[in-house]
Structure formats: C-alpha cells, structure tokens
C-alpha cells in the first residue's frame, strides 16, 4: 500500500519536472532566437523557430520517456 502511494507521488514529480524543463528550454531557445534575430535583422524568424523547436523536442522526449516506462510495466 505504501509503495503504491509513493508511486503516484513519483509520477507527479516526474511530470512537474518535465513541465519545468519545457518552460526553461522554451525561454532559453526564445532568448537565443531573439539574439540571433537582433544580430541578423530577421525579426521573428529565429525567435519563433527556435521556440517551437524547443517545445517539439521536449514533447518528443517526454513521449519517448512515457513509452519506455509503459514497456517497463
């Protein structure tokens, strides 16, 4: 019973960590894209492109992690 309780808590912590990673990666890529756009004079191109790339990569990695955990069950 106790192991099941901690298992549910572990799932919440893992999802929270993935949310945190997604937000941090999005802001980092957004900032990098903004700096590239300012340097090259291409206003929203790199900023939006890198932002969506960060979100896509985080979601893809989360999907891989979930798929791996489902196989382990």
PDB file of N, CA and C in Angstrom:
ATOM      1  N   UNK A   1       0.809  -1.187   0.000  1.00  0.00           N
ATOM      2  CA  UNK A   1       0.000   0.000   0.000  1.00  0.00           C
ATOM      3  C   UNK A   1       0.861   1.264   0.000  1.00  0.00           C
ATOM      4  N   UNK A   2       1.923   1.253   0.797  1.00  0.00           N
ATOM      5  CA  UNK A   2       2.799   2.422   0.875  1.00  0.00           C
ATOM      6  C   UNK A   2       3.560   2.606  -0.434  1.00  0.00           C
ATOM      7  N   UNK A   3       3.994   1.498  -1.043  1.00  0.00           N
ATOM      8  CA  UNK A   3       4.728   1.604  -2.307  1.00  0.00           C
ATOM      9  C   UNK A   3       3.846   2.208  -3.391  1.00  0.00           C
ATOM     10  N   UNK A   4       2.578   1.854  -3.415  1.00  0.00           N
ATOM     11  CA  UNK A   4       1.651   2.404  -4.395  1.00  0.00           C
ATOM     12  C   UNK A   4       1.460   3.902  -4.180  1.00  0.00           C
ATOM     13  N   UNK A   5       1.425   4.327  -2.919  1.00  0.00           N
ATOM     14  CA  UNK A   5       1.288   5.748  -2.580  1.00  0.00           C
ATOM     15  C   UNK A   5       2.481   6.539  -3.101  1.00  0.00           C
ATOM     16  N   UNK A   6       3.688   6.025  -2.905  1.00  0.00           N
ATOM     17  CA  UNK A   6       4.886   6.706  -3.386  1.00  0.00           C
ATOM     18  C   UNK A   6       5.002   6.648  -4.903  1.00  0.00           C
ATOM     19  N   UNK A   7       4.459   5.619  -5.504  1.00  0.00           N
ATOM     20  CA  UNK A   7       4.482   5.508  -6.960  1.00  0.00           C
ATOM     21  C   UNK A   7       3.663   6.625  -7.599  1.00  0.00           C
ATOM     22  N   UNK A   8       2.516   6.922  -7.038  1.00  0.00           N
ATOM     23  CA  UNK A   8       1.689   8.011  -7.560  1.00  0.00           C
ATOM     24  C   UNK A   8       2.381   9.348  -7.362  1.00  0.00           C
ATOM     25  N   UNK A   9       3.012   9.536  -6.214  1.00  0.00           N
ATOM     26  CA  UNK A   9       3.748  10.769  -5.944  1.00  0.00           C
ATOM     27  C   UNK A   9       4.922  10.921  -6.904  1.00  0.00           C
ATOM     28  N   UNK A  10       5.595   9.814  -7.215  1.00  0.00           N
ATOM     29  CA  UNK A  10       6.723   9.845  -8.148  1.00  0.00           C
ATOM     30  C   UNK A  10       6.272  10.303  -9.533  1.00  0.00           C
ATOM     31  N   UNK A  11       5.105   9.850  -9.963  1.00  0.00           N
ATOM     32  CA  UNK A  11       4.575  10.261 -11.262  1.00  0.00           C
ATOM     33  C   UNK A  11       4.298  11.749 -11.324  1.00  0.00           C
ATOM     34  N   UNK A  12       3.772  12.304 -10.245  1.00  0.00           N
ATOM     35  CA  UNK A  12       3.501  13.743 -10.190  1.00  0.00           C
ATOM     36  C   UNK A  12       4.803  14.534 -10.243  1.00  0.00           C
ATOM     37  N   UNK A  13       5.808  14.070  -9.522  1.00  0.00           N
ATOM     38  CA  UNK A  13       7.101  14.752  -9.512  1.00  0.00           C
ATOM     39  C   UNK A  13       7.751  14.709 -10.890  1.00  0.00           C
ATOM     40  N   UNK A  14       7.672  13.577 -11.552  1.00  0.00           N
ATOM     41  CA  UNK A  14       8.261  13.448 -12.889  1.00  0.00           C
ATOM     42  C   UNK A  14       7.565  14.377 -13.879  1.00  0.00           C
ATOM     43  N   UNK A  15       6.240  14.440 -13.839  1.00  0.00           N
ATOM     44  CA  UNK A  15       5.509  15.340 -14.741  1.00  0.00           C
ATOM     45  C   UNK A  15       5.813  16.802 -14.440  1.00  0.00           C
ATOM     46  N   UNK A  16       5.962  17.135 -13.176  1.00  0.00           N
ATOM     47  CA  UNK A  16       6.318  18.506 -12.807  1.00  0.00           C
ATOM     48  C   UNK A  16       7.709  18.861 -13.317  1.00  0.00           C
ATOM     49  N   UNK A  17       8.622  17.918 -13.213  1.00  0.00           N
ATOM     50  CA  UNK A  17       9.981  18.155 -13.713  1.00  0.00           C
ATOM     51  C   UNK A  17       9.970  18.375 -15.227  1.00  0.00           C
ATOM     52  N   UNK A  18       9.179  17.588 -15.942  1.00  0.00           N
ATOM     53  CA  UNK A  18       9.101  17.767 -17.401  1.00  0.00           C
ATOM     54  C   UNK A  18       8.491  19.113 -17.762  1.00  0.00           C
ATOM     55  N   UNK A  19       7.512  19.561 -16.996  1.00  0.00           N
ATOM     56  CA  UNK A  19       6.940  20.882 -17.233  1.00  0.00           C
ATOM     57  C   UNK A  19       7.970  21.974 -17.008  1.00  0.00           C
ATOM     58  N   UNK A  20       8.744  21.842 -15.948  1.00  0.00           N
ATOM     59  CA  UNK A  20       9.801  22.810 -15.653  1.00  0.00           C
ATOM     60  C   UNK A  20      10.848  22.826 -16.760  1.00  0.00           C
ATOM     61  N   UNK A  21      11.255  21.661 -17.222  1.00  0.00           N
ATOM     62  CA  UNK A  21      12.253  21.566 -18.292  1.00  0.00           C
ATOM     63  C   UNK A  21      11.723  22.203 -19.576  1.00  0.00           C
ATOM     64  N   UNK A  22      10.458  21.973 -19.891  1.00  0.00           N
ATOM     65  CA  UNK A  22       9.862  22.548 -21.093  1.00  0.00           C
ATOM     66  C   UNK A  22       9.852  24.070 -21.028  1.00  0.00           C
ATOM     67  N   UNK A  23       9.493  24.621 -19.885  1.00  0.00           N
ATOM     68  CA  UNK A  23       9.460  26.082 -19.739  1.00  0.00           C
ATOM     69  C   UNK A  23      10.858  26.668 -19.845  1.00  0.00           C
ATOM     70  N   UNK A  24      11.820  26.075 -19.165  1.00  0.00           N
ATOM     71  CA  UNK A  24      13.193  26.591 -19.194  1.00  0.00           C
ATOM     72  C   UNK A  24      13.773  26.506 -20.607  1.00  0.00           C
ATOM     73  N   UNK A  25      13.592  25.364 -21.268  1.00  0.00           N
ATOM     74  CA  UNK A  25      14.117  25.211 -22.632  1.00  0.00           C
ATOM     75  C   UNK A  25      13.447  26.198 -23.586  1.00  0.00           C
ATOM     76  N   UNK A  26      12.156  26.410 -23.418  1.00  0.00           N
ATOM     77  CA  UNK A  26      11.441  27.357 -24.286  1.00  0.00           C
ATOM     78  C   UNK A  26      11.993  28.764 -24.134  1.00  0.00           C
ATOM     79  N   UNK A  27      12.191  29.198 -22.889  1.00  0.00           N
ATOM     80  CA  UNK A  27      12.723  30.541 -22.669  1.00  0.00           C
ATOM     81  C   UNK A  27      14.170  30.674 -23.146  1.00  0.00           C
ATOM     82  N   UNK A  28      14.976  29.638 -22.959  1.00  0.00           N
ATOM     83  CA  UNK A  28      16.357  29.698 -23.436  1.00  0.00           C
ATOM     84  C   UNK A  28      16.420  29.799 -24.961  1.00  0.00           C
ATOM     85  N   UNK A  29      15.643  28.966 -25.637  1.00  0.00           N
ATOM     86  CA  UNK A  29      15.642  28.992 -27.094  1.00  0.00           C
ATOM     87  C   UNK A  29      15.013  30.286 -27.617  1.00  0.00           C
ATOM     88  N   UNK A  30      13.999  30.780 -26.910  1.00  0.00           N
ATOM     89  CA  UNK A  30      13.376  32.036 -27.291  1.00  0.00           C
ATOM     90  C   UNK A  30      14.380  33.184 -27.187  1.00  0.00           C
ATOM     91  N   UNK A  31      15.148  33.208 -26.110  1.00  0.00           N
ATOM     92  CA  UNK A  31      16.169  34.234 -25.931  1.00  0.00           C
ATOM     93  C   UNK A  31      17.283  34.130 -26.953  1.00  0.00           C
ATOM     94  N   UNK A  32      17.704  32.910 -27.239  1.00  0.00           N
ATOM     95  CA  UNK A  32      18.744  32.713 -28.250  1.00  0.00           C
ATOM     96  C   UNK A  32      18.248  33.151 -29.627  1.00  0.00           C
ATOM     97  N   UNK A  33      17.006  32.807 -29.941  1.00  0.00           N
ATOM     98  CA  UNK A  33      16.431  33.230 -31.217  1.00  0.00           C
ATOM     99  C   UNK A  33      16.294  34.736 -31.312  1.00  0.00           C
ATOM    100  N   UNK A  34      15.926  35.374 -30.196  1.00  0.00           N
ATOM    101  CA  UNK A  34      15.818  36.838 -30.172  1.00  0.00           C
ATOM    102  C   UNK A  34      17.184  37.482 -30.442  1.00  0.00           C
ATOM    103  N   UNK A  35      18.218  36.949 -29.818  1.00  0.00           N
ATOM    104  CA  UNK A  35      19.566  37.495 -30.030  1.00  0.00           C
ATOM    105  C   UNK A  35      20.023  37.287 -31.481  1.00  0.00           C
ATOM    106  N   UNK A  36      19.732  36.119 -32.043  1.00  0.00           N
ATOM    107  CA  UNK A  36      20.089  35.871 -33.443  1.00  0.00           C
ATOM    108  C   UNK A  36      19.320  36.803 -34.377  1.00  0.00           C
ATOM    109  N   UNK A  37      18.047  37.005 -34.095  1.00  0.00           N
ATOM    110  CA  UNK A  37      17.243  37.912 -34.923  1.00  0.00           C
ATOM    111  C   UNK A  37      17.754  39.347 -34.826  1.00  0.00           C
ATOM    112  N   UNK A  38      18.147  39.763 -33.643  1.00  0.00           N
ATOM    113  CA  UNK A  38      18.674  41.116 -33.473  1.00  0.00           C
ATOM    114  C   UNK A  38      20.000  41.265 -34.217  1.00  0.00           C
ATOM    115  N   UNK A  39      20.823  40.239 -34.185  1.00  0.00           N
ATOM    116  CA  UNK A  39      22.130  40.272 -34.857  1.00  0.00           C
ATOM    117  C   UNK A  39      21.978  40.254 -36.374  1.00  0.00           C
ATOM    118  N   UNK A  40      21.060  39.443 -36.877  1.00  0.00           N
ATOM    119  CA  UNK A  40      20.920  39.266 -38.324  1.00  0.00           C
ATOM    120  C   UNK A  40      19.844  40.151 -38.953  1.00  0.00           C
ATOM    121  N   UNK A  41      18.999  40.763 -38.133  1.00  0.00           N
ATOM    122  CA  UNK A  41      17.954  41.637 -38.663  1.00  0.00           C
ATOM    123  C   UNK A  41      16.748  40.898 -39.213  1.00  0.00           C
ATOM    124  N   UNK A  42      16.533  39.685 -38.779  1.00  0.00           N
ATOM    125  CA  UNK A  42      15.363  38.901 -39.203  1.00  0.00           C
ATOM    126  C   UNK A  42      14.433  38.785 -38.005  1.00  0.00           C
ATOM    127  N   UNK A  43      13.518  39.717 -37.885  1.00  0.00           N
ATOM    128  CA  UNK A  43      12.802  39.929 -36.629  1.00  0.00           C
ATOM    129  C   UNK A  43      12.182  38.682 -36.002  1.00  0.00           C
ATOM    130  N   UNK A  44      11.116  38.061 -36.486  1.00  0.00           N
ATOM    131  CA  UNK A  44      10.567  36.974 -35.657  1.00  0.00           C
ATOM    132  C   UNK A  44      11.002  35.576 -36.079  1.00  0.00           C
ATOM    133  N   UNK A  45      11.814  35.437 -37.106  1.00  0.00           N
ATOM    134  CA  UNK A  45      12.062  34.119 -37.697  1.00  0.00           C
ATOM    135  C   UNK A  45      12.768  33.152 -36.753  1.00  0.00           C
ATOM    136  N   UNK A  46      13.974  33.486 -36.318  1.00  0.00           N
ATOM    137  CA  UNK A  46      14.719  32.583 -35.453  1.00  0.00           C
ATOM    138  C   UNK A  46      14.060  32.451 -34.083  1.00  0.00           C
ATOM    139  N   UNK A  47      13.490  33.531 -33.583  1.00  0.00           N
ATOM    140  CA  UNK A  47      12.860  33.501 -32.269  1.00  0.00           C
ATOM    141  C   UNK A  47      11.714  32.484 -32.244  1.00  0.00           C
ATOM    142  N   UNK A  48      10.827  32.565 -33.213  1.00  0.00           N
ATOM    143  CA  UNK A  48       9.701  31.631 -33.257  1.00  0.00           C
ATOM    144  C   UNK A  48      10.150  30.217 -33.630  1.00  0.00           C
ATOM    145  N   UNK A  49      11.078  30.139 -34.563  1.00  0.00           N
ATOM    146  CA  UNK A  49      11.558  28.824 -34.989  1.00  0.00           C
ATOM    147  C   UNK A  49      12.219  28.054 -33.860  1.00  0.00           C
ATOM    148  N   UNK A  50      13.102  28.711 -33.120  1.00  0.00           N
ATOM    149  CA  UNK A  50      13.777  28.033 -32.021  1.00  0.00           C
ATOM    150  C   UNK A  50      12.824  27.746 -30.859  1.00  0.00           C
ATOM    151  N   UNK A  51      11.864  28.623 -30.644  1.00  0.00           N
ATOM    152  CA  UNK A  51      10.865  28.378 -29.602  1.00  0.00           C
ATOM    153  C   UNK A  51      10.077  27.107 -29.899  1.00  0.00           C
ATOM    154  N   UNK A  52       9.561  26.989 -31.119  1.00  0.00           N
ATOM    155  CA  UNK A  52       8.790  25.799 -31.477  1.00  0.00           C
ATOM    156  C   UNK A  52       9.667  24.549 -31.516  1.00  0.00           C
ATOM    157  N   UNK A  53      10.933  24.710 -31.891  1.00  0.00           N
ATOM    158  CA  UNK A  53      11.859  23.579 -31.861  1.00  0.00           C
ATOM    159  C   UNK A  53      12.039  23.078 -30.432  1.00  0.00           C
ATOM    160  N   UNK A  54      12.192  23.979 -29.477  1.00  0.00           N
ATOM    161  CA  UNK A  54      12.358  23.585 -28.075  1.00  0.00           C
ATOM    162  C   UNK A  54      11.125  22.867 -27.559  1.00  0.00           C
ATOM    163  N   UNK A  55       9.953  23.401 -27.863  1.00  0.00           N
ATOM    164  CA  UNK A  55       8.717  22.756 -27.406  1.00  0.00           C
ATOM    165  C   UNK A  55       8.569  21.378 -28.049  1.00  0.00           C
ATOM    166  N   UNK A  56       8.830  21.284 -29.335  1.00  0.00           N
ATOM    167  CA  UNK A  56       8.719  19.998 -30.038  1.00  0.00           C
ATOM    168  C   UNK A  56       9.695  18.975 -29.467  1.00  0.00           C
ATOM    169  N   UNK A  57      10.938  19.375 -29.223  1.00  0.00           N
ATOM    170  CA  UNK A  57      11.929  18.438 -28.702  1.00  0.00           C
ATOM    171  C   UNK A  57      11.581  17.976 -27.290  1.00  0.00           C
ATOM    172  N   UNK A  58      11.075  18.867 -26.472  1.00  0.00           N
ATOM    173  CA  UNK A  58      10.682  18.477 -25.111  1.00  0.00           C
ATOM    174  C   UNK A  58       9.502  17.515 -25.132  1.00  0.00           C
ATOM    175  N   UNK A  59       8.520  17.783 -25.965  1.00  0.00           N
ATOM    176  CA  UNK A  59       7.358  16.901 -26.046  1.00  0.00           C
ATOM    177  C   UNK A  59       7.765  15.540 -26.623  1.00  0.00           C
ATOM    178  N   UNK A  60       8.638  15.534 -27.609  1.00  0.00           N
ATOM    179  CA  UNK A  60       9.103  14.272 -28.193  1.00  0.00           C
ATOM    180  C   UNK A  60       9.878  13.458 -27.154  1.00  0.00           C
ATOM    181  N   UNK A  61      10.703  14.119 -26.384  1.00  0.00           N
ATOM    182  CA  UNK A  61      11.477  13.423 -25.344  1.00  0.00           C
ATOM    183  C   UNK A  61      10.550  12.893 -24.243  1.00  0.00           C
ATOM    184  N   UNK A  62       9.549  13.664 -23.885  1.00  0.00           N
ATOM    185  CA  UNK A  62       8.574  13.216 -22.896  1.00  0.00           C
ATOM    186  C   UNK A  62       7.815  11.988 -23.408  1.00  0.00           C
ATOM    187  N   UNK A  63       7.470  11.988 -24.674  1.00  0.00           N
ATOM    188  CA  UNK A  63       6.779  10.845 -25.276  1.00  0.00           C
ATOM    189  C   UNK A  63       7.666   9.607 -25.243  1.00  0.00           C
ATOM    190  N   UNK A  64       8.945   9.773 -25.569  1.00  0.00           N
ATOM    191  CA  UNK A  64       9.872   8.638 -25.517  1.00  0.00           C
ATOM    192  C   UNK A  64       9.990   8.085 -24.102  1.00  0.00           C
ATOM    193  N   UNK A  65      10.084   8.975 -23.135  1.00  0.00           N
ATOM    194  CA  UNK A  65      10.176   8.553 -21.732  1.00  0.00           C
ATOM    195  C   UNK A  65       8.916   7.804 -21.297  1.00  0.00           C
ATOM    196  N   UNK A  66       7.751   8.303 -21.679  1.00  0.00           N
ATOM    197  CA  UNK A  66       6.494   7.639 -21.322  1.00  0.00           C
ATOM    198  C   UNK A  66       6.396   6.279 -21.996  1.00  0.00           C
ATOM    199  N   UNK A  67       6.809   6.187 -23.236  1.00  0.00           N
ATOM    200  CA  UNK A  67       6.764   4.920 -23.967  1.00  0.00           C
ATOM    201  C   UNK A  67       7.707   3.899 -23.309  1.00  0.00           C
ATOM    202  N   UNK A  68       8.880   4.363 -22.900  1.00  0.00           N
ATOM    203  CA  UNK A  68       9.828   3.469 -22.238  1.00  0.00           C
ATOM    204  C   UNK A  68       9.285   2.978 -20.904  1.00  0.00           C
ATOM    205  N   UNK A  69       8.637   3.878 -20.146  1.00  0.00           N
ATOM    206  CA  UNK A  69       8.065   3.472 -18.856  1.00  0.00           C
ATOM    207  C   UNK A  69       6.889   2.514 -19.039  1.00  0.00           C
ATOM    208  N   UNK A  70       6.100   2.710 -20.089  1.00  0.00           N
ATOM    209  CA  UNK A  70       4.973   1.799 -20.324  1.00  0.00           C
ATOM    210  C   UNK A  70       5.458   0.399 -20.689  1.00  0.00           C
ATOM    211  N   UNK A  71       6.571   0.302 -21.407  1.00  0.00           N
ATOM    212  CA  UNK A  71       7.119  -1.011 -21.739  1.00  0.00           C
ATOM    213  C   UNK A  71       7.653  -1.710 -20.494  1.00  0.00           C
ATOM    214  N   UNK A  72       8.145  -0.914 -19.543  1.00  0.00           N
ATOM    215  CA  UNK A  72       8.684  -1.480 -18.319  1.00  0.00           C
ATOM    216  C   UNK A  72       7.615  -2.027 -17.388  1.00  0.00           C
ATOM    217  N   UNK A  73       6.371  -1.612 -17.554  1.00  0.00           N
ATOM    218  CA  UNK A  73       5.286  -2.088 -16.683  1.00  0.00           C
ATOM    219  C   UNK A  73       4.798  -3.405 -17.106  1.00  0.00           C
TER     220      UNK A  73
END
